Protein backbone atom coordinates (compact mmCIF):
# COMPACT_ATOMS: atom_id res chain seq x y z
CA MET A 1 0.00 0.00 0.00
CA ALA A 2 1.14 3.53 -0.79
CA ARG A 3 2.07 5.76 2.09
CA LYS A 4 -0.07 8.79 2.75
CA ARG A 5 1.72 12.09 2.34
CA LYS A 6 1.62 14.54 5.18
CA GLN A 7 -0.36 17.60 4.20
CA LYS A 8 1.44 20.91 4.61
CA SER A 9 -0.50 23.43 6.61
CA THR A 10 -1.74 26.34 4.51
CA LYS A 11 -0.51 28.82 7.11
CA GLU A 12 3.16 28.00 6.45
CA THR A 13 3.14 28.27 2.66
CA PRO A 14 3.05 31.85 1.34
CA ALA A 15 0.11 32.78 -0.90
CA LEU A 16 2.24 34.63 -3.47
CA PRO A 17 5.63 33.56 -4.83
CA LYS A 18 8.68 35.55 -3.77
CA ILE A 19 9.27 38.34 -6.30
CA ARG A 20 12.95 38.52 -7.13
CA SER A 21 12.99 41.39 -9.61
CA THR A 22 10.84 43.86 -11.48
CA LEU A 23 10.66 41.38 -14.37
CA HIS A 24 9.15 38.75 -12.09
CA GLN A 25 6.74 41.37 -10.78
CA VAL A 26 5.56 42.24 -14.30
CA LEU A 27 5.23 38.59 -15.30
CA ALA A 28 3.29 37.79 -12.13
CA GLN A 29 0.73 40.50 -12.95
CA ARG A 30 0.25 39.49 -16.59
CA LYS A 31 -2.73 37.39 -17.55
CA SER A 32 -2.15 34.48 -19.85
CA GLY A 33 -3.06 35.25 -23.45
CA LYS A 34 -6.16 33.85 -25.03
CA HIS A 35 -5.41 30.89 -27.28
CA LYS A 36 -6.02 31.62 -30.94
CA ARG A 37 -6.64 29.17 -33.72
CA ASP A 38 -3.93 28.73 -36.35
CA SER A 39 -6.26 30.10 -39.01
CA GLU A 40 -6.75 33.29 -36.99
CA LYS A 41 -3.00 33.68 -36.58
CA ARG A 42 -2.47 33.23 -40.32
CA THR A 43 -5.08 35.80 -41.29
CA ALA A 44 -3.65 38.27 -38.78
CA GLN A 45 -0.17 37.73 -40.23
CA LYS A 46 -1.45 38.27 -43.79
CA LEU A 47 -3.13 41.52 -42.75
CA ARG A 48 0.06 42.71 -41.07
CA ARG A 49 2.09 41.98 -44.21
CA GLU A 50 -0.40 43.86 -46.38
CA LEU A 51 -0.26 46.88 -44.07
CA GLU A 52 3.55 46.86 -44.05
CA GLN A 53 3.70 46.75 -47.87
CA ASP A 54 1.42 49.78 -48.32
């Protein structure tokens, strides 16, 4: 039988990770980007190319 792991008390573990630099601070505040379909990415790239050429 597998041994049961001891649960760490929630009081000991900090809620937020330790911020080491301003970069970490910025990354911690960023929200993850919405996933786009490949077709959406392709059409966006085509539009960008067209705008750059003009």
